[in-house]
Protein backbone atom coordinates (compact mmCIF):
# COMPACT_ATOMS: atom_id res chain seq x y z
CA MET A 1 5.65 12.56 -19.75
CA PHE A 2 3.18 14.54 -17.60
CA VAL A 3 0.40 11.99 -18.23
CA GLN A 4 2.71 9.18 -17.08
CA TRP A 5 3.49 11.15 -13.92
CA GLN A 6 -0.21 11.68 -13.24
CA GLN A 7 -0.97 7.99 -13.75
CA GLY A 8 1.86 7.01 -11.38
CA SER A 9 0.58 9.44 -8.80
CA LEU A 10 -2.95 8.11 -9.13
CA LEU A 11 -1.74 4.53 -8.82
CA GLN A 12 0.26 5.34 -5.70
CA LYS A 13 -2.71 7.15 -4.17
CA THR A 14 -4.88 4.13 -4.94
CA LEU A 15 -2.33 1.79 -3.36
CA THR A 16 -2.12 4.04 -0.32
CA GLY A 17 -5.91 3.95 0.06
CA MET A 18 -5.90 0.18 -0.27
CA GLY A 19 -3.19 -0.01 2.38
CA HIS A 20 -5.29 2.00 4.79
CA SER A 21 -8.28 -0.23 4.10
CA LEU A 22 -6.21 -3.35 4.74
CA GLU A 23 -5.00 -1.88 8.03
CA ALA A 24 -8.59 -1.25 9.10
CA LEU A 25 -9.57 -4.77 8.10
CA ARG A 26 -6.57 -6.29 9.89
CA ASN A 27 -7.51 -4.47 13.08
CA GLN A 28 -10.84 -6.28 13.11
CA PHE A 29 -9.17 -9.66 13.60
CA GLU A 30 -7.44 -11.17 16.58
CA GLU A 31 -3.69 -10.70 16.24
CA GLU A 32 -1.88 -13.73 14.79
CA SER A 33 -5.16 -15.40 13.72
CA LYS A 34 -5.26 -16.84 10.19
CA PRO A 35 -7.37 -13.97 8.75
CA TRP A 36 -5.05 -11.44 10.44
CA LYS A 37 -2.01 -13.14 8.89
CA VAL A 38 -3.59 -13.14 5.41
CA VAL A 39 -4.43 -9.44 5.61
CA GLU A 40 -0.96 -8.70 7.02
CA ALA A 41 0.66 -10.55 4.08
CA LEU A 42 -1.47 -8.61 1.58
CA HIS A 43 -0.60 -5.34 3.29
CA THR A 44 3.11 -6.16 3.21
CA ALA A 45 2.92 -7.04 -0.49
CA LEU A 46 1.15 -3.75 -1.15
CA LEU A 47 3.88 -1.85 0.69
CA LEU A 48 6.56 -3.58 -1.37
CA LEU A 49 4.72 -2.84 -4.61
CA ASN A 50 4.27 0.82 -3.70
CA ASP A 51 7.93 1.15 -2.69
CA SER A 52 8.97 -0.46 -5.97
CA LEU A 53 6.81 1.93 -7.95
CA SER A 54 8.21 4.86 -5.99
CA ALA A 55 11.76 3.81 -6.79
CA ASP A 56 10.98 3.38 -10.50
CA GLY A 57 8.68 6.34 -11.03
CA PRO A 58 8.31 9.93 -9.97
CA LYS A 59 9.02 10.74 -6.37
CA ASP A 60 5.72 11.08 -4.58
CA ASN A 61 5.07 11.69 -0.92
CA HIS A 62 3.20 8.51 -0.11
CA THR A 63 2.19 7.99 3.47
CA PHE A 64 2.37 4.26 3.88
CA PRO A 65 2.97 3.44 7.53
CA LYS A 66 5.94 1.17 8.08
CA MET A 67 5.30 -1.81 10.27
């Protein structure tokens, strides 16, 4: 049980890091440009995945910014 909790925590931390990286990448593009929209869609999908994992797994304090 503890190992599963650790793995969930690690996964959520990884997703959080990826979310921050996508935000930084998105900020490099002109708003509403095609690359910006692609990165925005990926970021949104990542948020949904992380929220889904949070609902199904252990409650972790993830710091995904809501857009």
